Amino acid sequence: MAEPPRPAIRPARPDDAAELARLSTQLGYAMSPPVAESQLGEVAGHGDHALFVAEAPTGLAGWIQVSVSRIFEAPSAAEIAGLVVDESRRGEGVGPRLLRAAEDWARARGCRAVRVRSNVRRERALAFYEREGYAKVKVQQVFEKPLRESG
């Protein structure tokens, strides 16, 4: 049986919204196409952020979001904000190709490292990042405070 064609890696476009929403939902973050289109518009307007997709003939095989993280006390680095590969395409090399695109993008912007955070419950994701050369550098808690509109 012939292998499926390797998806082309390219920047996301507004007409990818439905597929981006489908993949985000697979990752566990339910999203509608209009919300995906709006979110993509937010990312597209900033040069320090990028969203790449893996385009296959049957639809998107995955996406990755990366941004430059500007932290005063640390050298310039990029952070992967999200990575998802279609459930039906996992194990075909799509994830590593998306990582390389994000790493190349970060390198071109002078970043000296790429970071990624992953929930400790996502054991397959943790193993994937380690296979791809990422090393655990710390364990931390994440805190969040919802902000209400002033007034």
N, C-alpha and C. Protein backbone atom coordinates (compact mmCIF):
# COMPACT_ATOMS: atom_id res chain seq x y z
N MET A 1 0.84 -1.18 0.00
CA MET A 1 0.00 0.00 0.00
C MET A 1 0.89 1.25 0.00
N ALA A 2 0.54 2.23 -0.82
CA ALA A 2 1.33 3.45 -0.94
C ALA A 2 1.13 4.33 0.29
N GLU A 3 2.22 5.01 0.68
CA GLU A 3 2.15 5.94 1.80
C GLU A 3 1.37 7.18 1.37
N PRO A 4 0.66 7.81 2.32
CA PRO A 4 -0.02 9.06 1.96
C PRO A 4 1.02 10.13 1.64
N PRO A 5 0.68 11.09 0.77
CA PRO A 5 1.65 12.13 0.43
C PRO A 5 2.00 12.95 1.67
N ARG A 6 3.26 13.41 1.71
CA ARG A 6 3.70 14.25 2.83
C ARG A 6 2.99 15.60 2.75
N PRO A 7 2.36 16.02 3.83
CA PRO A 7 1.69 17.32 3.82
C PRO A 7 2.69 18.47 3.65
N ALA A 8 2.27 19.50 2.95
CA ALA A 8 3.09 20.70 2.77
C ALA A 8 2.91 21.59 4.00
N ILE A 9 4.01 22.13 4.51
CA ILE A 9 3.96 23.04 5.66
C ILE A 9 3.92 24.46 5.12
N ARG A 10 2.94 25.22 5.60
CA ARG A 10 2.78 26.61 5.15
C ARG A 10 2.10 27.41 6.25
N PRO A 11 2.16 28.76 6.17
CA PRO A 11 1.43 29.58 7.14
C PRO A 11 -0.08 29.37 6.99
N ALA A 12 -0.78 29.45 8.11
CA ALA A 12 -2.24 29.31 8.08
C ALA A 12 -2.87 30.51 7.37
N ARG A 13 -4.02 30.25 6.75
CA ARG A 13 -4.78 31.29 6.05
C ARG A 13 -6.20 31.33 6.61
N PRO A 14 -6.92 32.44 6.41
CA PRO A 14 -8.29 32.53 6.91
C PRO A 14 -9.20 31.40 6.44
N ASP A 15 -8.97 30.89 5.21
CA ASP A 15 -9.84 29.82 4.72
C ASP A 15 -9.53 28.46 5.37
N ASP A 16 -8.57 28.41 6.28
CA ASP A 16 -8.27 27.20 7.05
C ASP A 16 -9.11 27.10 8.32
N ALA A 17 -9.93 28.10 8.60
CA ALA A 17 -10.62 28.20 9.89
C ALA A 17 -11.38 26.93 10.28
N ALA A 18 -12.14 26.36 9.37
CA ALA A 18 -12.93 25.17 9.72
C ALA A 18 -12.03 24.00 10.11
N GLU A 19 -10.93 23.81 9.38
CA GLU A 19 -10.00 22.73 9.68
C GLU A 19 -9.23 23.00 10.97
N LEU A 20 -8.85 24.25 11.20
CA LEU A 20 -8.18 24.60 12.46
C LEU A 20 -9.10 24.32 13.65
N ALA A 21 -10.36 24.65 13.50
CA ALA A 21 -11.34 24.39 14.58
C ALA A 21 -11.49 22.89 14.80
N ARG A 22 -11.56 22.13 13.72
CA ARG A 22 -11.70 20.67 13.84
C ARG A 22 -10.52 20.08 14.60
N LEU A 23 -9.31 20.49 14.25
CA LEU A 23 -8.12 19.97 14.91
C LEU A 23 -8.03 20.43 16.36
N SER A 24 -8.39 21.68 16.63
CA SER A 24 -8.38 22.18 18.01
C SER A 24 -9.33 21.37 18.88
N THR A 25 -10.46 21.02 18.32
CA THR A 25 -11.44 20.21 19.04
C THR A 25 -10.87 18.82 19.33
N GLN A 26 -10.13 18.25 18.38
CA GLN A 26 -9.48 16.96 18.63
C GLN A 26 -8.50 17.05 19.79
N LEU A 27 -7.86 18.19 19.94
CA LEU A 27 -6.89 18.39 21.02
C LEU A 27 -7.57 18.56 22.37
N GLY A 28 -8.88 18.79 22.34
CA GLY A 28 -9.62 18.94 23.59
C GLY A 28 -10.08 20.37 23.85
N TYR A 29 -9.92 21.24 22.87
CA TYR A 29 -10.34 22.63 23.00
C TYR A 29 -11.41 22.91 21.95
N ALA A 30 -12.65 22.69 22.34
CA ALA A 30 -13.76 22.85 21.39
C ALA A 30 -13.75 24.27 20.81
N MET A 31 -13.87 24.34 19.49
CA MET A 31 -13.79 25.62 18.80
C MET A 31 -14.66 25.56 17.55
N SER A 32 -15.33 26.65 17.27
CA SER A 32 -16.13 26.75 16.04
C SER A 32 -15.28 27.43 14.97
N PRO A 33 -15.64 27.22 13.69
CA PRO A 33 -14.90 27.90 12.63
C PRO A 33 -14.87 29.43 12.76
N PRO A 34 -15.97 30.10 13.14
CA PRO A 34 -15.87 31.56 13.29
C PRO A 34 -14.89 31.98 14.39
N VAL A 35 -14.84 31.22 15.48
CA VAL A 35 -13.89 31.54 16.54
C VAL A 35 -12.47 31.30 16.04
N ALA A 36 -12.26 30.22 15.32
CA ALA A 36 -10.93 29.93 14.77
C ALA A 36 -10.49 31.05 13.82
N GLU A 37 -11.39 31.53 13.00
CA GLU A 37 -11.06 32.62 12.08
C GLU A 37 -10.69 33.89 12.84
N SER A 38 -11.43 34.18 13.91
CA SER A 38 -11.13 35.35 14.74
C SER A 38 -9.77 35.21 15.43
N GLN A 39 -9.51 34.03 15.99
CA GLN A 39 -8.24 33.79 16.67
C GLN A 39 -7.07 33.89 15.68
N LEU A 40 -7.25 33.35 14.49
CA LEU A 40 -6.21 33.42 13.47
C LEU A 40 -5.93 34.88 13.11
N GLY A 41 -6.97 35.69 13.03
CA GLY A 41 -6.79 37.12 12.76
C GLY A 41 -5.96 37.80 13.84
N GLU A 42 -6.14 37.39 15.09
CA GLU A 42 -5.35 37.95 16.19
C GLU A 42 -3.88 37.60 16.03
N VAL A 43 -3.58 36.37 15.69
CA VAL A 43 -2.20 35.92 15.54
C VAL A 43 -1.57 36.55 14.31
N ALA A 44 -2.32 36.59 13.21
CA ALA A 44 -1.77 37.06 11.94
C ALA A 44 -1.32 38.51 11.99
N GLY A 45 -1.87 39.29 12.88
CA GLY A 45 -1.54 40.70 12.95
C GLY A 45 -0.26 41.02 13.68
N HIS A 46 0.48 40.01 14.14
CA HIS A 46 1.69 40.25 14.94
C HIS A 46 2.87 39.47 14.37
N GLY A 47 3.95 40.15 14.07
CA GLY A 47 5.13 39.53 13.49
C GLY A 47 5.86 38.58 14.41
N ASP A 48 5.58 38.65 15.71
CA ASP A 48 6.23 37.76 16.67
C ASP A 48 5.45 36.47 16.90
N HIS A 49 4.42 36.23 16.11
CA HIS A 49 3.59 35.03 16.24
C HIS A 49 3.42 34.40 14.86
N ALA A 50 3.35 33.08 14.85
CA ALA A 50 3.11 32.38 13.58
C ALA A 50 2.26 31.14 13.85
N LEU A 51 1.44 30.82 12.90
CA LEU A 51 0.64 29.60 12.94
C LEU A 51 0.88 28.89 11.61
N PHE A 52 1.49 27.71 11.69
CA PHE A 52 1.78 26.92 10.51
C PHE A 52 0.84 25.72 10.46
N VAL A 53 0.50 25.31 9.25
CA VAL A 53 -0.34 24.13 9.06
C VAL A 53 0.38 23.13 8.18
N ALA A 54 0.00 21.87 8.34
CA ALA A 54 0.45 20.80 7.46
C ALA A 54 -0.74 20.48 6.56
N GLU A 55 -0.63 20.86 5.29
CA GLU A 55 -1.74 20.72 4.35
C GLU A 55 -1.61 19.43 3.55
N ALA A 56 -2.61 18.59 3.69
CA ALA A 56 -2.69 17.33 2.94
C ALA A 56 -3.83 17.44 1.93
N PRO A 57 -3.86 16.59 0.92
CA PRO A 57 -4.95 16.65 -0.07
C PRO A 57 -6.34 16.47 0.56
N THR A 58 -6.42 15.77 1.67
CA THR A 58 -7.72 15.52 2.30
C THR A 58 -8.09 16.54 3.38
N GLY A 59 -7.26 17.56 3.58
CA GLY A 59 -7.50 18.56 4.62
C GLY A 59 -6.24 18.76 5.44
N LEU A 60 -6.35 19.56 6.48
CA LEU A 60 -5.17 19.82 7.30
C LEU A 60 -4.82 18.60 8.14
N ALA A 61 -3.54 18.27 8.17
CA ALA A 61 -3.05 17.15 8.96
C ALA A 61 -2.55 17.61 10.32
N GLY A 62 -2.42 18.91 10.52
CA GLY A 62 -1.98 19.42 11.81
C GLY A 62 -1.70 20.91 11.75
N TRP A 63 -1.45 21.48 12.94
CA TRP A 63 -1.03 22.87 13.03
C TRP A 63 -0.13 23.06 14.24
N ILE A 64 0.66 24.14 14.19
CA ILE A 64 1.53 24.53 15.30
C ILE A 64 1.52 26.05 15.40
N GLN A 65 1.45 26.55 16.63
CA GLN A 65 1.56 27.99 16.87
C GLN A 65 2.84 28.23 17.65
N VAL A 66 3.59 29.23 17.24
CA VAL A 66 4.84 29.60 17.90
C VAL A 66 4.91 31.11 18.02
N SER A 67 5.52 31.59 19.09
CA SER A 67 5.68 33.03 19.27
C SER A 67 7.00 33.31 19.96
N VAL A 68 7.53 34.51 19.72
CA VAL A 68 8.73 34.95 20.41
C VAL A 68 8.31 35.36 21.81
N SER A 69 9.01 34.83 22.79
CA SER A 69 8.73 35.14 24.18
C SER A 69 9.76 36.16 24.64
N ARG A 70 9.32 37.33 25.01
CA ARG A 70 10.23 38.40 25.42
C ARG A 70 10.18 38.54 26.94
N ILE A 71 11.13 37.87 27.59
CA ILE A 71 11.22 37.90 29.05
C ILE A 71 12.48 38.66 29.41
N PHE A 72 12.36 39.67 30.22
CA PHE A 72 13.45 40.57 30.55
C PHE A 72 14.72 39.84 30.99
N GLU A 73 14.58 38.88 31.88
CA GLU A 73 15.76 38.25 32.48
C GLU A 73 16.28 37.03 31.72
N ALA A 74 15.74 36.74 30.56
CA ALA A 74 16.15 35.54 29.83
C ALA A 74 16.51 35.88 28.38
N PRO A 75 17.43 35.11 27.79
CA PRO A 75 17.74 35.32 26.36
C PRO A 75 16.49 35.09 25.51
N SER A 76 16.51 35.68 24.34
CA SER A 76 15.37 35.55 23.42
C SER A 76 15.09 34.08 23.11
N ALA A 77 13.84 33.70 23.27
CA ALA A 77 13.41 32.33 23.00
C ALA A 77 12.03 32.37 22.37
N ALA A 78 11.67 31.27 21.76
CA ALA A 78 10.32 31.13 21.21
C ALA A 78 9.59 30.10 22.05
N GLU A 79 8.28 30.19 22.03
CA GLU A 79 7.47 29.22 22.75
C GLU A 79 6.39 28.67 21.84
N ILE A 80 6.25 27.36 21.89
CA ILE A 80 5.19 26.70 21.15
C ILE A 80 3.93 26.81 22.01
N ALA A 81 2.91 27.45 21.46
CA ALA A 81 1.67 27.65 22.21
C ALA A 81 0.69 26.51 21.97
N GLY A 82 0.85 25.79 20.88
CA GLY A 82 -0.04 24.68 20.59
C GLY A 82 0.48 23.88 19.42
N LEU A 83 0.25 22.58 19.47
CA LEU A 83 0.61 21.67 18.39
C LEU A 83 -0.40 20.54 18.40
N VAL A 84 -0.99 20.29 17.25
CA VAL A 84 -1.92 19.16 17.13
C VAL A 84 -1.73 18.52 15.76
N VAL A 85 -1.74 17.20 15.77
CA VAL A 85 -1.72 16.41 14.54
C VAL A 85 -3.02 15.62 14.49
N ASP A 86 -3.65 15.62 13.34
CA ASP A 86 -4.90 14.90 13.16
C ASP A 86 -4.74 13.46 13.67
N GLU A 87 -5.73 13.00 14.40
CA GLU A 87 -5.69 11.64 14.98
C GLU A 87 -5.38 10.59 13.92
N SER A 88 -5.88 10.78 12.71
CA SER A 88 -5.68 9.79 11.65
C SER A 88 -4.29 9.88 11.01
N ARG A 89 -3.51 10.91 11.33
CA ARG A 89 -2.20 11.12 10.70
C ARG A 89 -1.04 10.98 11.69
N ARG A 90 -1.34 10.67 12.95
CA ARG A 90 -0.28 10.55 13.95
C ARG A 90 0.63 9.38 13.60
N GLY A 91 1.92 9.56 13.86
CA GLY A 91 2.91 8.53 13.55
C GLY A 91 3.43 8.59 12.13
N GLU A 92 3.02 9.59 11.35
CA GLU A 92 3.46 9.71 9.95
C GLU A 92 4.54 10.77 9.76
N GLY A 93 5.02 11.38 10.85
CA GLY A 93 6.07 12.40 10.74
C GLY A 93 5.57 13.82 10.60
N VAL A 94 4.27 14.03 10.73
CA VAL A 94 3.71 15.39 10.60
C VAL A 94 4.17 16.26 11.76
N GLY A 95 4.12 15.74 12.98
CA GLY A 95 4.52 16.51 14.16
C GLY A 95 5.96 17.00 14.08
N PRO A 96 6.92 16.12 13.80
CA PRO A 96 8.30 16.59 13.68
C PRO A 96 8.49 17.64 12.60
N ARG A 97 7.78 17.52 11.49
CA ARG A 97 7.90 18.52 10.42
C ARG A 97 7.35 19.86 10.86
N LEU A 98 6.24 19.85 11.61
CA LEU A 98 5.71 21.11 12.15
C LEU A 98 6.69 21.72 13.15
N LEU A 99 7.29 20.88 14.00
CA LEU A 99 8.29 21.39 14.95
C LEU A 99 9.45 22.04 14.21
N ARG A 100 9.95 21.41 13.15
CA ARG A 100 11.08 21.98 12.39
C ARG A 100 10.69 23.34 11.81
N ALA A 101 9.46 23.47 11.33
CA ALA A 101 9.02 24.76 10.78
C ALA A 101 9.03 25.83 11.87
N ALA A 102 8.55 25.49 13.06
CA ALA A 102 8.54 26.45 14.17
C ALA A 102 9.97 26.79 14.60
N GLU A 103 10.83 25.78 14.65
CA GLU A 103 12.23 26.00 15.05
C GLU A 103 12.95 26.88 14.03
N ASP A 104 12.73 26.64 12.75
CA ASP A 104 13.33 27.47 11.70
C ASP A 104 12.85 28.90 11.80
N TRP A 105 11.55 29.07 12.03
CA TRP A 105 10.96 30.40 12.18
C TRP A 105 11.61 31.12 13.36
N ALA A 106 11.77 30.43 14.49
CA ALA A 106 12.36 31.02 15.69
C ALA A 106 13.83 31.38 15.44
N ARG A 107 14.57 30.48 14.81
CA ARG A 107 15.98 30.72 14.50
C ARG A 107 16.13 31.98 13.64
N ALA A 108 15.25 32.15 12.67
CA ALA A 108 15.31 33.31 11.78
C ALA A 108 15.03 34.62 12.52
N ARG A 109 14.43 34.53 13.70
CA ARG A 109 14.14 35.72 14.51
C ARG A 109 15.14 35.89 15.65
N GLY A 110 16.24 35.17 15.58
CA GLY A 110 17.30 35.34 16.56
C GLY A 110 17.08 34.62 17.88
N CYS A 111 16.10 33.75 17.95
CA CYS A 111 15.84 33.03 19.20
C CYS A 111 16.94 32.00 19.43
N ARG A 112 17.28 31.82 20.70
CA ARG A 112 18.35 30.88 21.06
C ARG A 112 17.80 29.56 21.59
N ALA A 113 16.49 29.48 21.75
CA ALA A 113 15.87 28.24 22.23
C ALA A 113 14.40 28.25 21.86
N VAL A 114 13.80 27.07 21.88
CA VAL A 114 12.34 26.93 21.73
C VAL A 114 11.86 26.17 22.95
N ARG A 115 10.82 26.70 23.57
CA ARG A 115 10.22 26.05 24.75
C ARG A 115 8.82 25.57 24.40
N VAL A 116 8.41 24.56 25.14
CA VAL A 116 7.04 24.07 25.02
C VAL A 116 6.58 23.62 26.39
N ARG A 117 5.34 23.87 26.70
CA ARG A 117 4.73 23.41 27.95
C ARG A 117 3.69 22.36 27.57
N SER A 118 3.65 21.30 28.34
CA SER A 118 2.69 20.24 28.05
C SER A 118 2.13 19.71 29.36
N ASN A 119 0.84 19.49 29.38
CA ASN A 119 0.19 18.95 30.56
C ASN A 119 0.80 17.59 30.90
N VAL A 120 1.08 17.37 32.18
CA VAL A 120 1.71 16.11 32.59
C VAL A 120 0.84 14.90 32.27
N ARG A 121 -0.44 15.11 32.05
CA ARG A 121 -1.34 14.00 31.70
C ARG A 121 -1.20 13.57 30.24
N ARG A 122 -0.59 14.38 29.43
CA ARG A 122 -0.43 14.07 28.00
C ARG A 122 0.87 13.28 27.80
N GLU A 123 0.83 12.03 28.23
CA GLU A 123 2.04 11.20 28.22
C GLU A 123 2.62 11.02 26.81
N ARG A 124 1.77 10.85 25.82
CA ARG A 124 2.27 10.69 24.45
C ARG A 124 2.97 11.96 23.98
N ALA A 125 2.42 13.12 24.34
CA ALA A 125 3.04 14.39 23.95
C ALA A 125 4.40 14.55 24.64
N LEU A 126 4.48 14.21 25.91
CA LEU A 126 5.74 14.33 26.63
C LEU A 126 6.81 13.45 25.98
N ALA A 127 6.46 12.22 25.65
CA ALA A 127 7.40 11.31 25.01
C ALA A 127 7.81 11.84 23.63
N PHE A 128 6.85 12.41 22.90
CA PHE A 128 7.13 12.98 21.58
C PHE A 128 8.17 14.08 21.68
N TYR A 129 7.98 15.03 22.59
CA TYR A 129 8.93 16.15 22.71
C TYR A 129 10.31 15.65 23.11
N GLU A 130 10.38 14.68 24.00
CA GLU A 130 11.68 14.14 24.38
C GLU A 130 12.36 13.46 23.18
N ARG A 131 11.60 12.72 22.38
CA ARG A 131 12.16 12.09 21.17
C ARG A 131 12.70 13.14 20.21
N GLU A 132 12.07 14.31 20.20
CA GLU A 132 12.47 15.37 19.28
C GLU A 132 13.57 16.27 19.83
N GLY A 133 14.17 15.87 20.98
CA GLY A 133 15.32 16.59 21.51
C GLY A 133 15.02 17.66 22.54
N TYR A 134 13.77 17.74 22.98
CA TYR A 134 13.41 18.71 24.02
C TYR A 134 13.65 18.07 25.38
N ALA A 135 14.24 18.84 26.31
CA ALA A 135 14.54 18.34 27.64
C ALA A 135 13.71 19.08 28.68
N LYS A 136 13.26 18.34 29.68
CA LYS A 136 12.51 18.96 30.77
C LYS A 136 13.47 19.83 31.57
N VAL A 137 13.13 21.12 31.73
CA VAL A 137 14.01 22.03 32.46
C VAL A 137 13.42 22.47 33.80
N LYS A 138 12.10 22.34 33.98
CA LYS A 138 11.52 22.65 35.28
C LYS A 138 10.08 22.17 35.33
N VAL A 139 9.60 22.07 36.55
CA VAL A 139 8.20 21.72 36.82
C VAL A 139 7.61 22.91 37.54
N GLN A 140 6.41 23.30 37.17
CA GLN A 140 5.80 24.48 37.78
C GLN A 140 4.30 24.32 37.85
N GLN A 141 3.68 25.19 38.59
CA GLN A 141 2.23 25.28 38.66
C GLN A 141 1.78 26.44 37.77
N VAL A 142 0.61 26.34 37.22
CA VAL A 142 0.06 27.42 36.42
C VAL A 142 -1.11 28.03 37.19
N PHE A 143 -1.06 29.32 37.37
CA PHE A 143 -2.11 30.05 38.06
C PHE A 143 -2.80 30.96 37.05
N GLU A 144 -4.07 31.20 37.25
CA GLU A 144 -4.83 32.07 36.35
C GLU A 144 -5.84 32.86 37.15
N LYS A 145 -6.00 34.10 36.80
CA LYS A 145 -7.01 34.95 37.43
C LYS A 145 -7.85 35.57 36.31
N PRO A 146 -9.12 35.24 36.26
CA PRO A 146 -9.99 35.88 35.25
C PRO A 146 -10.07 37.38 35.51
N LEU A 147 -10.02 38.16 34.45
CA LEU A 147 -10.12 39.60 34.57
C LEU A 147 -11.51 40.07 34.18
N ARG A 148 -12.06 40.88 35.01
CA ARG A 148 -13.37 41.48 34.70
C ARG A 148 -13.13 42.84 34.09
N GLU A 149 -14.05 43.24 33.29
CA GLU A 149 -13.93 44.58 32.70
C GLU A 149 -14.06 45.62 33.79
N SER A 150 -13.26 46.68 33.68
CA SER A 150 -13.31 47.73 34.70
C SER A 150 -14.57 48.57 34.49
N GLY A 151 -14.99 49.18 35.59
CA GLY A 151 -16.13 50.10 35.47
C GLY A 151 -17.28 49.73 36.23
